[in-house]
Protein backbone atom coordinates (compact mmCIF):
# COMPACT_ATOMS: atom_id res chain seq x y z
CA UNK A 1 3.06 2.25 13.04
CA UNK A 2 -0.61 2.24 13.90
CA UNK A 3 -2.78 -0.66 12.75
CA UNK A 4 -6.36 0.32 13.43
CA UNK A 5 -7.64 -3.00 12.06
CA UNK A 6 -5.52 -5.44 14.09
CA UNK A 7 -8.24 -6.46 16.55
CA UNK A 8 -11.31 -6.74 14.34
CA UNK A 9 -10.63 -8.94 11.32
CA UNK A 10 -13.74 -8.05 9.31
CA UNK A 11 -12.89 -4.34 9.36
CA UNK A 12 -9.99 -4.98 6.96
CA UNK A 13 -12.42 -6.17 4.29
CA UNK A 14 -14.95 -3.39 4.87
CA UNK A 15 -14.97 -0.44 2.43
CA UNK A 16 -12.34 2.22 3.03
CA UNK A 17 -13.43 5.36 4.84
CA UNK A 18 -10.22 7.37 4.41
CA UNK A 19 -7.62 7.80 1.68
CA UNK A 20 -4.19 9.42 1.47
CA UNK A 21 -1.72 9.96 -1.34
CA UNK A 22 1.38 7.77 -1.20
CA UNK A 23 4.79 9.19 -2.02
CA UNK A 24 7.14 6.24 -2.54
CA UNK A 25 10.29 6.44 -0.42
CA UNK A 26 13.08 3.92 0.07
CA UNK A 27 13.32 4.15 3.87
CA UNK A 28 10.24 5.94 5.26
CA UNK A 29 7.28 3.68 6.14
CA UNK A 30 3.68 4.68 5.52
CA UNK A 31 2.27 6.40 8.63
CA UNK A 32 -0.51 3.78 9.03
CA UNK A 33 -1.10 0.31 7.58
CA UNK A 34 -3.61 0.67 4.76
CA UNK A 35 -6.29 -1.85 3.81
CA UNK A 36 -5.14 -1.67 0.20
CA UNK A 37 -3.45 0.54 -2.36
CA UNK A 38 -5.16 2.08 -5.37
CA UNK A 39 -2.89 2.64 -8.39
CA UNK A 40 -3.95 5.30 -10.88
CA UNK A 41 -1.11 4.80 -13.37
CA UNK A 42 0.03 1.23 -13.82
CA UNK A 43 3.55 -0.13 -13.62
CA UNK A 44 5.75 -1.87 -11.09
CA UNK A 45 5.08 -1.24 -7.41
CA UNK A 46 7.78 -2.31 -4.96
CA UNK A 47 6.42 -2.81 -1.44
CA UNK A 48 7.03 -4.60 1.84
CA UNK A 49 4.40 -5.66 4.36
CA UNK A 50 4.51 -5.33 8.15
CA UNK A 51 5.70 -8.92 8.64
CA UNK A 52 9.09 -8.02 7.18
CA UNK A 53 10.84 -10.27 4.72
CA UNK A 54 11.88 -9.16 1.27
CA UNK A 55 10.35 -6.47 -0.88
CA UNK A 56 7.81 -7.70 -3.42
CA UNK A 57 7.39 -6.36 -6.94
CA UNK A 58 3.77 -6.11 -8.07
CA UNK A 59 2.92 -5.48 -11.72
CA UNK A 60 -0.21 -3.36 -11.40
CA UNK A 61 -2.59 -2.11 -14.11
CA UNK A 62 -3.90 1.45 -14.17
CA UNK A 63 -6.98 1.91 -11.98
CA UNK A 64 -6.29 -1.22 -9.91
CA UNK A 65 -6.78 -1.87 -6.23
CA UNK A 66 -3.91 -3.88 -4.78
CA UNK A 67 -5.22 -5.71 -1.67
CA UNK A 68 -1.85 -5.63 0.10
CA UNK A 69 -1.25 -4.06 3.51
CA UNK A 70 2.00 -2.29 2.68
CA UNK A 71 4.20 -0.85 5.38
CA UNK A 72 6.68 0.47 2.79
CA UNK A 73 6.23 1.57 -0.82
CA UNK A 74 9.74 1.88 -2.21
CA UNK A 75 10.83 4.59 -4.63
CA UNK A 76 13.53 2.43 -6.19
CA UNK A 77 11.92 0.13 -8.74
CA UNK A 78 8.44 1.64 -8.49
CA UNK A 79 7.24 2.89 -11.86
CA UNK A 80 3.53 2.98 -10.97
CA UNK A 81 2.17 6.42 -10.06
CA UNK A 82 -0.86 8.14 -8.59
CA UNK A 83 -0.84 5.72 -5.64
CA UNK A 84 -3.44 6.17 -2.90
CA UNK A 85 -3.53 4.30 0.42
CA UNK A 86 -7.04 3.18 1.40
CA UNK A 87 -7.88 3.05 5.12
């Protein structure tokens, strides 16, 4: 998994310059680590970061930016929709 921000810390907090739709999947990781996730339709979002550990459940409102660098967005348990990865 590519992490284009790993060497320059302030680039993670800079505005996104690229976006891609996220299709939740239980085993496939996102192709790149995003800066954040935008959620168009609120609900639960089940995700795991690149450091491993357990999945986390985020309760996200419609139109929210979730400042979490998700490696996985799981299909099981995710009720939020219209998810966009911000890079």
